[in-house]
Protein backbone atom coordinates (compact mmCIF):
# COMPACT_ATOMS: atom_id res chain seq x y z
CA MET A 1 -4.83 -16.80 -18.29
CA SER A 2 -1.25 -17.93 -17.79
CA ALA A 3 1.63 -15.60 -16.89
CA VAL A 4 4.31 -14.99 -19.52
CA ILE A 5 6.47 -13.10 -17.02
CA ALA A 6 6.75 -13.67 -13.28
CA VAL A 7 8.99 -11.48 -11.12
CA THR A 8 9.51 -11.99 -7.39
CA ASP A 9 11.32 -9.58 -5.05
CA LEU A 10 13.55 -8.33 -7.88
CA THR A 11 16.37 -5.95 -6.93
CA LYS A 12 19.08 -4.44 -9.09
CA ARG A 13 21.87 -2.23 -7.75
CA TYR A 14 24.61 -0.37 -9.61
CA ARG A 15 27.51 0.79 -7.42
CA GLY A 16 25.25 1.65 -4.52
CA VAL A 17 22.38 2.99 -6.65
CA THR A 18 19.22 0.91 -6.40
CA ALA A 19 17.61 0.79 -9.84
CA LEU A 20 14.97 -1.77 -8.84
CA ASP A 21 13.89 -2.21 -5.24
CA GLY A 22 12.29 -5.57 -4.42
CA ILE A 23 9.50 -5.51 -6.99
CA SER A 24 7.10 -8.40 -7.65
CA PHE A 25 4.50 -8.79 -10.40
CA SER A 26 3.31 -11.06 -13.18
CA LEU A 27 2.21 -10.28 -16.74
CA ALA A 28 -0.55 -12.30 -18.38
CA GLU A 29 -0.20 -13.53 -21.93
CA ASN A 30 -1.85 -11.85 -24.90
CA ARG A 31 -2.28 -8.44 -23.26
CA ILE A 32 -0.85 -4.98 -23.96
CA HIS A 33 0.95 -3.92 -20.80
CA GLY A 34 2.01 -0.33 -20.23
CA LEU A 35 5.32 0.02 -18.37
CA LEU A 36 5.20 3.60 -17.18
CA GLY A 37 7.24 5.95 -15.03
CA ARG A 38 9.58 8.92 -15.06
CA ASN A 39 13.11 8.92 -16.45
CA GLY A 40 15.30 6.91 -14.10
CA ALA A 41 12.35 4.98 -12.67
CA GLY A 42 13.93 1.63 -13.60
CA LYS A 43 11.90 0.74 -16.70
CA THR A 44 14.80 0.07 -19.07
CA THR A 45 16.73 -1.81 -16.39
CA LEU A 46 13.73 -4.06 -15.85
CA MET A 47 13.38 -4.78 -19.56
CA GLN A 48 17.10 -5.52 -19.87
CA ILE A 49 16.82 -8.11 -17.10
CA LEU A 50 13.68 -9.64 -18.60
CA THR A 51 15.39 -9.94 -21.99
CA GLY A 52 18.50 -11.57 -20.55
CA GLN A 53 20.86 -8.62 -21.04
CA HIS A 54 21.58 -8.04 -17.35
CA PHE A 55 21.61 -10.04 -14.13
CA ALA A 56 19.47 -9.13 -11.15
CA THR A 57 21.24 -8.43 -7.87
CA SER A 58 18.64 -10.58 -6.12
CA GLY A 59 15.18 -11.98 -6.66
CA GLN A 60 13.59 -14.33 -9.18
CA VAL A 61 12.75 -13.78 -12.86
CA SER A 62 10.79 -16.19 -15.05
CA VAL A 63 9.93 -15.68 -18.72
CA PHE A 64 7.88 -18.43 -20.37
CA GLY A 65 8.58 -20.44 -17.21
CA GLN A 66 12.40 -20.20 -17.50
CA HIS A 67 15.23 -17.81 -16.71
CA PRO A 68 15.93 -15.72 -19.84
CA TYR A 69 19.71 -15.29 -19.56
CA GLU A 70 21.48 -17.11 -22.46
CA ASN A 71 18.36 -19.22 -22.91
CA GLU A 72 17.79 -19.70 -26.65
CA GLN A 73 14.35 -21.21 -26.14
CA VAL A 74 13.20 -18.06 -24.36
CA LEU A 75 15.11 -15.45 -26.38
CA ALA A 76 13.85 -16.84 -29.70
CA ARG A 77 10.30 -16.03 -28.58
CA MET A 78 10.88 -12.37 -27.75
CA SER A 79 11.67 -9.11 -29.51
CA PHE A 80 13.13 -6.04 -27.80
CA ILE A 81 12.96 -2.74 -29.68
CA LYS A 82 14.61 0.03 -27.72
CA GLU A 83 15.13 3.75 -28.16
CA SER A 84 18.11 4.65 -30.34
CA GLN A 85 18.22 1.11 -31.74
CA THR A 86 21.63 0.51 -33.32
CA TYR A 87 22.57 -1.63 -36.31
CA PRO A 88 25.91 -2.47 -37.97
CA THR A 89 26.74 0.61 -40.03
CA ASN A 90 27.43 -1.32 -43.23
CA LEU A 91 23.84 -2.63 -43.41
CA ARG A 92 21.09 -1.23 -45.57
CA VAL A 93 17.42 -1.22 -44.62
CA THR A 94 16.76 -4.29 -46.74
CA HIS A 95 19.64 -6.13 -45.00
CA VAL A 96 18.16 -5.42 -41.56
CA LEU A 97 14.82 -6.85 -42.67
CA ARG A 98 16.50 -9.89 -44.19
CA ALA A 99 18.39 -10.54 -40.95
CA ALA A 100 15.18 -10.15 -38.93
CA ARG A 101 13.49 -12.69 -41.17
CA LEU A 102 16.18 -15.20 -40.20
CA VAL A 103 16.10 -14.38 -36.48
CA TYR A 104 12.37 -14.39 -35.74
CA PRO A 105 10.47 -17.66 -36.29
CA SER A 106 7.12 -15.84 -36.53
CA TRP A 107 8.35 -13.16 -38.93
CA ASN A 108 5.79 -12.04 -41.52
CA GLU A 109 7.44 -10.70 -44.64
CA GLU A 110 4.26 -9.38 -46.25
CA PHE A 111 3.45 -7.35 -43.13
CA ALA A 112 7.03 -6.05 -42.96
CA GLN A 113 6.96 -4.82 -46.55
CA ARG A 114 3.59 -3.18 -46.00
CA LEU A 115 4.98 -1.32 -42.98
CA VAL A 116 8.02 -0.22 -44.99
CA GLU A 117 5.61 1.45 -47.41
CA VAL A 118 3.55 2.99 -44.61
CA PHE A 119 6.63 4.58 -43.00
CA GLN A 120 8.18 5.39 -46.40
CA LEU A 121 11.48 3.72 -45.56
CA PRO A 122 14.12 3.73 -48.35
CA ARG A 123 14.98 0.04 -48.69
CA GLY A 124 18.37 0.60 -50.29
CA ARG A 125 19.66 3.30 -47.93
CA ASN A 126 22.47 2.58 -45.47
CA VAL A 127 21.17 2.65 -41.89
CA ARG A 128 23.85 5.17 -40.86
CA LYS A 129 22.28 7.65 -43.30
CA LEU A 130 18.79 7.29 -41.90
CA SER A 131 17.27 10.11 -39.91
CA ARG A 132 16.41 9.54 -36.28
CA GLY A 133 12.76 9.13 -37.19
CA MET A 134 13.53 6.59 -39.91
CA LEU A 135 15.66 4.57 -37.49
CA SER A 136 12.73 4.51 -35.09
CA ALA A 137 10.39 3.48 -37.88
CA LEU A 138 12.75 0.66 -38.88
CA GLY A 139 12.73 -0.63 -35.30
CA ILE A 140 8.95 -0.49 -35.24
CA VAL A 141 8.77 -2.49 -38.48
CA VAL A 142 11.04 -5.16 -37.00
CA GLY A 143 9.13 -5.25 -33.71
CA LEU A 144 5.70 -5.53 -35.29
CA ALA A 145 6.56 -7.85 -38.18
CA SER A 146 8.46 -10.21 -35.86
CA ARG A 147 5.13 -11.16 -34.29
CA ALA A 148 7.17 -12.49 -31.39
CA PRO A 149 5.05 -14.00 -28.60
CA LEU A 150 6.64 -11.43 -26.25
CA THR A 151 7.51 -8.00 -27.68
CA PHE A 152 9.05 -5.08 -25.80
CA PHE A 153 8.90 -1.52 -27.13
CA ASP A 154 11.08 0.87 -25.12
CA GLU A 155 10.26 4.44 -26.23
CA PRO A 156 10.09 3.30 -29.87
CA TYR A 157 8.88 6.57 -31.37
CA LEU A 158 11.90 8.92 -31.00
CA GLY A 159 12.03 11.29 -33.95
CA LEU A 160 8.64 10.23 -35.32
CA ASP A 161 6.10 12.92 -36.10
CA ALA A 162 2.50 12.69 -34.91
CA VAL A 163 1.30 11.05 -38.13
CA ALA A 164 3.98 8.34 -38.01
CA ARG A 165 3.28 7.68 -34.32
CA GLN A 166 -0.40 7.23 -35.12
CA HIS A 167 0.54 4.76 -37.87
CA PHE A 168 2.46 2.80 -35.24
CA TYR A 169 -0.45 2.74 -32.78
CA ASP A 170 -3.00 1.82 -35.46
CA HIS A 171 -0.95 -1.03 -36.92
CA LEU A 172 0.04 -2.32 -33.49
CA LEU A 173 -3.59 -2.55 -32.39
CA ALA A 174 -4.86 -3.99 -35.67
CA ASP A 175 -2.18 -6.68 -35.87
CA TYR A 176 -2.43 -7.47 -32.16
CA THR A 177 -6.17 -8.02 -32.61
CA GLU A 178 -5.59 -10.50 -35.44
CA HIS A 179 -2.45 -12.07 -33.97
CA PRO A 180 -2.59 -11.81 -30.16
CA ARG A 181 0.71 -11.76 -28.29
CA THR A 182 2.13 -10.20 -25.14
CA ILE A 183 3.30 -6.62 -25.67
CA VAL A 184 5.12 -4.47 -23.13
CA LEU A 185 5.04 -0.81 -24.16
CA SER A 186 7.22 1.69 -22.30
CA THR A 187 6.44 5.27 -23.22
CA HIS A 188 6.18 8.84 -21.94
CA LEU A 189 3.40 9.69 -24.39
CA ILE A 190 0.78 8.19 -22.11
CA ASP A 191 -2.24 10.05 -23.47
CA GLU A 192 -1.46 8.79 -26.98
CA VAL A 193 -1.39 5.12 -25.95
CA SER A 194 -3.95 5.13 -23.13
CA ASP A 195 -6.59 3.47 -25.29
CA LEU A 196 -4.16 0.66 -26.16
CA ILE A 197 -3.01 -0.24 -22.66
CA GLU A 198 -4.93 -2.97 -20.88
CA HIS A 199 -2.73 -3.34 -17.81
CA VAL A 200 -0.50 -0.80 -16.05
CA LEU A 201 2.82 -1.20 -14.28
CA LEU A 202 4.04 2.06 -12.77
CA LEU A 203 7.61 2.33 -11.51
CA ASP A 204 9.07 5.21 -9.56
CA ARG A 205 12.61 5.26 -8.14
CA GLY A 206 12.84 1.51 -8.59
CA ARG A 207 9.66 0.79 -6.65
CA LEU A 208 6.44 -0.61 -8.06
CA LEU A 209 3.63 1.89 -7.42
CA LEU A 210 0.93 0.27 -9.54
CA ASP A 211 0.16 -3.20 -10.87
CA VAL A 212 -3.45 -2.89 -11.97
CA GLU A 213 -5.88 -3.23 -14.85
CA ALA A 214 -6.11 0.08 -16.70
CA GLU A 215 -9.89 0.25 -16.56
CA ALA A 216 -9.98 -0.41 -12.83
CA LEU A 217 -7.35 2.29 -12.27
CA ARG A 218 -9.41 4.92 -14.05
CA GLY A 219 -12.22 4.29 -11.57
CA GLN A 220 -9.92 4.69 -8.58
CA VAL A 221 -8.64 8.22 -9.24
CA VAL A 222 -10.98 11.19 -9.72
CA THR A 223 -10.74 14.96 -9.78
CA VAL A 224 -13.32 16.87 -7.77
CA SER A 225 -13.75 20.64 -7.69
CA GLY A 226 -15.93 23.10 -5.82
CA PRO A 227 -16.14 24.84 -2.44
CA VAL A 228 -13.31 23.85 -0.12
CA ALA A 229 -15.48 22.43 2.68
CA ALA A 230 -17.58 20.34 0.31
CA VAL A 231 -14.49 18.97 -1.47
CA GLN A 232 -12.99 18.02 1.89
CA GLU A 233 -16.20 16.23 2.87
CA PHE A 234 -16.43 14.31 -0.41
CA ALA A 235 -12.78 13.21 -0.40
CA ARG A 236 -12.28 12.49 3.31
CA THR A 237 -12.03 8.70 2.77
CA GLY A 238 -9.50 8.95 -0.06
CA THR A 239 -5.85 9.87 -0.45
CA GLU A 240 -5.00 13.28 -1.82
CA LEU A 241 -2.65 13.27 -4.79
CA HIS A 242 -2.83 16.90 -5.90
CA ARG A 243 -4.55 20.11 -4.85
CA ALA A 244 -5.00 23.47 -6.54
CA SER A 245 -6.91 26.26 -4.82
CA LEU A 246 -8.15 29.65 -5.96
CA GLY A 247 -10.06 31.74 -3.45
CA GLY A 248 -12.78 29.57 -1.93
CA THR A 249 -12.64 26.95 -4.68
CA THR A 250 -10.49 23.82 -4.61
CA ARG A 251 -9.65 21.30 -7.33
CA LEU A 252 -8.52 18.00 -5.83
CA THR A 253 -7.20 14.81 -7.41
CA VAL A 254 -7.90 11.95 -5.04
CA ARG A 255 -7.48 8.19 -5.05
CA GLY A 256 -10.00 6.00 -3.30
CA ASP A 257 -12.99 3.71 -3.61
CA PHE A 258 -15.43 5.83 -5.59
CA GLY A 259 -18.22 3.64 -6.90
CA PRO A 260 -21.19 4.43 -9.17
CA ALA A 261 -22.85 6.50 -6.43
CA ALA A 262 -19.93 8.97 -6.31
CA GLN A 263 -21.38 11.15 -9.08
CA ASP A 264 -24.69 11.51 -7.22
CA ARG A 265 -22.87 12.29 -3.97
CA ALA A 266 -20.73 14.93 -5.65
CA ARG A 267 -23.79 16.52 -7.24
CA ALA A 268 -25.57 16.64 -3.89
CA LEU A 269 -22.60 18.52 -2.45
CA GLY A 270 -22.54 20.97 -5.37
CA LEU A 271 -19.30 19.57 -6.77
CA VAL A 272 -18.01 18.73 -10.23
CA LEU A 273 -16.58 15.21 -10.50
CA GLU A 274 -14.33 14.20 -13.42
CA ALA A 275 -12.54 11.00 -14.36
CA SER A 276 -8.75 11.46 -14.41
CA SER A 277 -6.82 10.58 -17.55
CA LEU A 278 -4.22 7.81 -17.36
CA GLN A 279 -1.46 10.36 -17.88
CA ASP A 280 -2.75 12.54 -15.06
CA ILE A 281 -2.98 9.51 -12.77
CA VAL A 282 0.61 8.52 -13.52
CA VAL A 283 1.88 12.07 -12.99
CA ARG A 284 0.00 12.55 -9.74
CA LEU A 285 1.01 9.19 -8.26
CA SER A 286 4.65 9.68 -9.24
CA THR A 287 4.92 13.21 -7.88
CA ALA A 288 3.15 12.14 -4.68
CA THR A 289 6.26 10.08 -3.89
CA ASP A 290 8.43 13.21 -3.97
CA SER A 291 7.27 13.85 -0.42
CA SER A 292 7.57 11.22 2.28
CA THR A 293 3.91 10.18 2.16
CA PRO A 294 0.79 11.36 0.30
CA THR A 295 -1.40 13.72 2.34
CA PRO A 296 -4.74 12.22 3.43
CA ALA A 297 -7.46 13.86 1.37
CA GLY A 298 -9.29 15.30 4.34
CA VAL A 299 -6.19 16.92 5.80
CA THR A 300 -4.29 19.99 4.57
CA SER A 301 -0.52 20.00 4.28
CA GLU A 302 -0.31 22.51 7.14
CA GLU A 303 -2.34 20.21 9.39
CA THR A 304 -0.08 17.29 8.53
CA ILE A 305 3.02 19.28 9.53
CA ARG A 306 1.50 20.19 12.85
């Protein structure tokens, strides 16, 4: 499977602030990639560089085998739908869709009109009179109906209620299945999209913490609970990400190599072993960087200080 995006040692600095810190990765074609991380992690900066809106301070960027900046051959094959998408204030909804039809070579008008009905968008209304949710829905319509070979969604759901967000996820997955393309989805609602994401990029403070298949990641991070000594014994080969204790019982989130035999081993030690959700994994890995280094699973914080 060929790479649509290849990034090597990419760094971006703004007046002494490092937004991206020497990151390297590649994204395979026809996959749904989750670009995850806290606010200020560098996600939007990365997407702006990949879509030719900003220069990198250093490093190499390749999109469809070329540099994206002012490259019509590359830019014509991508769509970037960002939070708080803006449009000229004199345009109506129907004008935005008409312009999109001219811009995107793979635009599907029938799909666009179907989505307009799904999201109940008023075709004749001026975009400046749309609610925040309707503006988000309009961006989603453009992003999905463009069927661009590379589509970025940067927090596309602002203002959408739960029903509208589910419409987005359902239509994204259904259309992606029929018309495969490369999708990069940046979102904070990780639990809602966890079943969509096939590959995970996790950024934190400009650094790349994860570049891994989503299914493989779920097998690397587990939560184990039970008596303190038994939990310590089970998790001694892993890296502790989070600990909560009450009396003689400990609940530990740990990252390591826990194969199929882990459940039997936990049961033998009298422990309860649970798979961690993608959202919990992202939260635990991100907050683990708030200290200098994660604590080894078999060592308490007090022991580390000593």
